Amino acid sequence: MCNYDELLEQARQRADAFRSIAKEFIPKMYKALRDEDPNTSPRDARDRIEKDCIGIWSKRTILDALPNEAKDPEKQKYGRLRAL
């Protein structure tokens, strides 16, 4: 029988693997959307990925995996100020 610490470690490993999959696929999906239609704005590509992938990953995981050009610098600035 597993003890708590072993179960916790297994949970952490699986969670890390889950996040790494997002970091692999989301940038590729973003690039594919932008390549398919060069007129697609970074915001539109981000919105579509968030809408389509919300059942797979959390919004935070999706945001972390998106390229920097898809992130809103104003929101980042205010988020950092809020954290202080």
N, C-alpha and C. Protein backbone atom coordinates (compact mmCIF):
# COMPACT_ATOMS: atom_id res chain seq x y z
N MET A 1 0.85 -1.19 0.00
CA MET A 1 0.00 0.00 0.00
C MET A 1 0.89 1.25 0.00
N CYS A 2 0.51 2.25 -0.80
CA CYS A 2 1.29 3.48 -0.90
C CYS A 2 0.99 4.38 0.29
N ASN A 3 2.01 5.09 0.70
CA ASN A 3 1.76 6.08 1.73
C ASN A 3 1.50 7.44 1.08
N TYR A 4 1.12 8.38 1.88
CA TYR A 4 0.72 9.71 1.41
C TYR A 4 1.81 10.37 0.58
N ASP A 5 3.05 10.35 1.04
CA ASP A 5 4.14 11.03 0.33
C ASP A 5 4.36 10.43 -1.06
N GLU A 6 4.24 9.12 -1.18
CA GLU A 6 4.40 8.49 -2.49
C GLU A 6 3.27 8.91 -3.43
N LEU A 7 2.05 8.94 -2.91
CA LEU A 7 0.91 9.37 -3.71
C LEU A 7 1.04 10.83 -4.14
N LEU A 8 1.51 11.66 -3.22
CA LEU A 8 1.72 13.07 -3.53
C LEU A 8 2.75 13.23 -4.62
N GLU A 9 3.83 12.48 -4.56
CA GLU A 9 4.88 12.56 -5.58
C GLU A 9 4.34 12.10 -6.94
N GLN A 10 3.55 11.05 -6.95
CA GLN A 10 2.96 10.58 -8.21
C GLN A 10 2.03 11.64 -8.80
N ALA A 11 1.25 12.28 -7.95
CA ALA A 11 0.35 13.33 -8.41
C ALA A 11 1.14 14.49 -9.01
N ARG A 12 2.22 14.87 -8.37
CA ARG A 12 3.04 15.97 -8.88
C ARG A 12 3.65 15.62 -10.23
N GLN A 13 4.13 14.40 -10.39
CA GLN A 13 4.74 13.98 -11.65
C GLN A 13 3.72 14.00 -12.78
N ARG A 14 2.53 13.51 -12.50
CA ARG A 14 1.49 13.51 -13.54
C ARG A 14 1.04 14.92 -13.88
N ALA A 15 0.95 15.78 -12.90
CA ALA A 15 0.56 17.18 -13.15
C ALA A 15 1.62 17.88 -13.99
N ASP A 16 2.90 17.63 -13.69
CA ASP A 16 3.98 18.23 -14.48
C ASP A 16 3.94 17.73 -15.92
N ALA A 17 3.68 16.45 -16.11
CA ALA A 17 3.58 15.89 -17.46
C ALA A 17 2.42 16.53 -18.21
N PHE A 18 1.32 16.74 -17.53
CA PHE A 18 0.14 17.35 -18.13
C PHE A 18 0.44 18.77 -18.59
N ARG A 19 1.15 19.53 -17.75
CA ARG A 19 1.52 20.91 -18.13
C ARG A 19 2.52 20.91 -19.28
N SER A 20 3.44 19.95 -19.29
CA SER A 20 4.44 19.93 -20.35
C SER A 20 3.80 19.61 -21.70
N ILE A 21 2.72 18.83 -21.69
CA ILE A 21 2.01 18.55 -22.93
C ILE A 21 1.39 19.85 -23.46
N ALA A 22 0.82 20.65 -22.57
CA ALA A 22 0.25 21.93 -22.98
C ALA A 22 1.33 22.83 -23.55
N LYS A 23 2.50 22.85 -22.92
CA LYS A 23 3.58 23.71 -23.40
C LYS A 23 4.12 23.25 -24.74
N GLU A 24 3.88 22.00 -25.08
CA GLU A 24 4.30 21.49 -26.38
C GLU A 24 3.27 21.81 -27.46
N PHE A 25 1.99 21.59 -27.17
CA PHE A 25 0.96 21.70 -28.19
C PHE A 25 0.42 23.12 -28.39
N ILE A 26 0.24 23.88 -27.36
CA ILE A 26 -0.39 25.19 -27.51
C ILE A 26 0.42 26.14 -28.39
N PRO A 27 1.73 26.22 -28.24
CA PRO A 27 2.48 27.09 -29.18
C PRO A 27 2.36 26.63 -30.64
N LYS A 28 2.31 25.31 -30.85
CA LYS A 28 2.13 24.79 -32.21
C LYS A 28 0.75 25.15 -32.75
N MET A 29 -0.27 25.05 -31.89
CA MET A 29 -1.63 25.40 -32.31
C MET A 29 -1.71 26.89 -32.64
N TYR A 30 -1.07 27.71 -31.82
CA TYR A 30 -1.04 29.15 -32.04
C TYR A 30 -0.40 29.47 -33.40
N LYS A 31 0.73 28.86 -33.66
CA LYS A 31 1.44 29.08 -34.92
C LYS A 31 0.59 28.61 -36.10
N ALA A 32 -0.07 27.47 -35.95
CA ALA A 32 -0.90 26.95 -37.04
C ALA A 32 -2.05 27.91 -37.35
N LEU A 33 -2.68 28.45 -36.33
CA LEU A 33 -3.76 29.42 -36.56
C LEU A 33 -3.25 30.66 -37.28
N ARG A 34 -2.10 31.14 -36.86
CA ARG A 34 -1.54 32.35 -37.49
C ARG A 34 -1.08 32.07 -38.92
N ASP A 35 -0.57 30.85 -39.17
CA ASP A 35 -0.12 30.49 -40.52
C ASP A 35 -1.29 30.29 -41.47
N GLU A 36 -2.39 29.70 -40.96
CA GLU A 36 -3.57 29.46 -41.79
C GLU A 36 -4.18 30.77 -42.28
N ASP A 37 -4.23 31.75 -41.41
CA ASP A 37 -4.80 33.04 -41.77
C ASP A 37 -3.91 34.14 -41.18
N PRO A 38 -3.05 34.72 -42.00
CA PRO A 38 -2.14 35.76 -41.51
C PRO A 38 -2.86 36.97 -40.92
N ASN A 39 -4.13 37.15 -41.25
CA ASN A 39 -4.89 38.28 -40.71
C ASN A 39 -5.42 38.01 -39.31
N THR A 40 -5.24 36.80 -38.81
CA THR A 40 -5.68 36.47 -37.45
C THR A 40 -4.81 37.22 -36.46
N SER A 41 -5.44 37.97 -35.59
CA SER A 41 -4.67 38.72 -34.59
C SER A 41 -4.23 37.78 -33.48
N PRO A 42 -3.18 38.16 -32.75
CA PRO A 42 -2.76 37.34 -31.61
C PRO A 42 -3.90 37.15 -30.61
N ARG A 43 -4.70 38.18 -30.41
CA ARG A 43 -5.83 38.08 -29.47
C ARG A 43 -6.88 37.08 -29.95
N ASP A 44 -7.17 37.08 -31.27
CA ASP A 44 -8.15 36.15 -31.82
C ASP A 44 -7.65 34.70 -31.70
N ALA A 45 -6.36 34.50 -31.99
CA ALA A 45 -5.79 33.16 -31.88
C ALA A 45 -5.84 32.68 -30.42
N ARG A 46 -5.51 33.57 -29.51
CA ARG A 46 -5.56 33.23 -28.09
C ARG A 46 -6.98 32.87 -27.66
N ASP A 47 -7.95 33.68 -28.07
CA ASP A 47 -9.34 33.42 -27.71
C ASP A 47 -9.81 32.06 -28.23
N ARG A 48 -9.45 31.75 -29.46
CA ARG A 48 -9.88 30.46 -30.03
C ARG A 48 -9.25 29.30 -29.29
N ILE A 49 -7.96 29.39 -28.99
CA ILE A 49 -7.28 28.32 -28.26
C ILE A 49 -7.89 28.16 -26.88
N GLU A 50 -8.14 29.27 -26.19
CA GLU A 50 -8.75 29.19 -24.86
C GLU A 50 -10.12 28.52 -24.94
N LYS A 51 -10.92 28.92 -25.92
CA LYS A 51 -12.27 28.36 -26.05
C LYS A 51 -12.23 26.87 -26.38
N ASP A 52 -11.35 26.48 -27.29
CA ASP A 52 -11.29 25.09 -27.73
C ASP A 52 -10.63 24.15 -26.73
N CYS A 53 -9.73 24.67 -25.92
CA CYS A 53 -8.93 23.80 -25.03
C CYS A 53 -9.34 23.86 -23.56
N ILE A 54 -10.36 24.64 -23.23
CA ILE A 54 -10.72 24.81 -21.83
C ILE A 54 -11.15 23.47 -21.20
N GLY A 55 -11.65 22.55 -21.98
CA GLY A 55 -12.02 21.24 -21.45
C GLY A 55 -10.82 20.33 -21.24
N ILE A 56 -9.69 20.70 -21.81
CA ILE A 56 -8.48 19.89 -21.69
C ILE A 56 -7.58 20.42 -20.58
N TRP A 57 -7.34 21.74 -20.61
CA TRP A 57 -6.46 22.37 -19.63
C TRP A 57 -7.18 23.53 -18.96
N SER A 58 -6.66 23.94 -17.82
CA SER A 58 -7.22 25.12 -17.15
C SER A 58 -6.80 26.37 -17.91
N LYS A 59 -7.52 27.45 -17.68
CA LYS A 59 -7.20 28.71 -18.36
C LYS A 59 -5.78 29.16 -18.02
N ARG A 60 -5.37 28.97 -16.79
CA ARG A 60 -4.02 29.35 -16.36
C ARG A 60 -2.95 28.55 -17.09
N THR A 61 -3.17 27.24 -17.26
CA THR A 61 -2.21 26.40 -17.98
C THR A 61 -2.11 26.85 -19.43
N ILE A 62 -3.25 27.16 -20.04
CA ILE A 62 -3.26 27.62 -21.42
C ILE A 62 -2.50 28.94 -21.54
N LEU A 63 -2.77 29.85 -20.65
CA LEU A 63 -2.11 31.16 -20.68
C LEU A 63 -0.59 31.01 -20.50
N ASP A 64 -0.18 30.14 -19.60
CA ASP A 64 1.26 29.92 -19.39
C ASP A 64 1.94 29.37 -20.62
N ALA A 65 1.22 28.58 -21.40
CA ALA A 65 1.82 27.92 -22.56
C ALA A 65 1.80 28.79 -23.82
N LEU A 66 0.99 29.83 -23.84
CA LEU A 66 0.91 30.69 -25.03
C LEU A 66 2.21 31.48 -25.22
N PRO A 67 2.56 31.76 -26.47
CA PRO A 67 3.73 32.61 -26.71
C PRO A 67 3.49 34.02 -26.17
N ASN A 68 4.55 34.73 -25.87
CA ASN A 68 4.44 36.07 -25.29
C ASN A 68 3.65 37.05 -26.15
N GLU A 69 3.71 36.91 -27.47
CA GLU A 69 3.00 37.85 -28.32
C GLU A 69 1.49 37.73 -28.18
N ALA A 70 1.01 36.61 -27.65
CA ALA A 70 -0.43 36.41 -27.47
C ALA A 70 -0.92 36.90 -26.11
N LYS A 71 0.00 37.30 -25.28
CA LYS A 71 -0.36 37.74 -23.93
C LYS A 71 -0.52 39.26 -23.92
N ASP A 72 -1.44 39.72 -23.12
CA ASP A 72 -1.74 41.15 -23.01
C ASP A 72 -0.77 41.79 -22.01
N PRO A 73 0.13 42.67 -22.48
CA PRO A 73 1.11 43.28 -21.57
C PRO A 73 0.47 44.12 -20.47
N GLU A 74 -0.67 44.75 -20.76
CA GLU A 74 -1.36 45.55 -19.74
C GLU A 74 -1.85 44.66 -18.59
N LYS A 75 -2.44 43.53 -18.94
CA LYS A 75 -2.93 42.61 -17.92
C LYS A 75 -1.77 42.05 -17.11
N GLN A 76 -0.64 41.77 -17.77
CA GLN A 76 0.54 41.27 -17.06
C GLN A 76 1.02 42.31 -16.05
N LYS A 77 1.05 43.56 -16.50
CA LYS A 77 1.51 44.65 -15.62
C LYS A 77 0.63 44.75 -14.38
N TYR A 78 -0.70 44.76 -14.58
CA TYR A 78 -1.61 44.89 -13.45
C TYR A 78 -1.61 43.64 -12.57
N GLY A 79 -1.40 42.49 -13.18
CA GLY A 79 -1.30 41.27 -12.39
C GLY A 79 -0.09 41.28 -11.47
N ARG A 80 1.02 41.80 -11.98
CA ARG A 80 2.23 41.90 -11.15
C ARG A 80 2.03 42.90 -10.00
N LEU A 81 1.37 44.00 -10.32
CA LEU A 81 1.11 45.01 -9.26
C LEU A 81 0.18 44.46 -8.19
N ARG A 82 -0.80 43.66 -8.60
CA ARG A 82 -1.73 43.06 -7.64
C ARG A 82 -1.02 42.08 -6.72
N ALA A 83 0.02 41.40 -7.25
CA ALA A 83 0.73 40.40 -6.46
C ALA A 83 1.58 41.02 -5.35
N LEU A 84 1.85 42.31 -5.46
CA LEU A 84 2.70 42.97 -4.44
C LEU A 84 1.98 43.22 -3.17
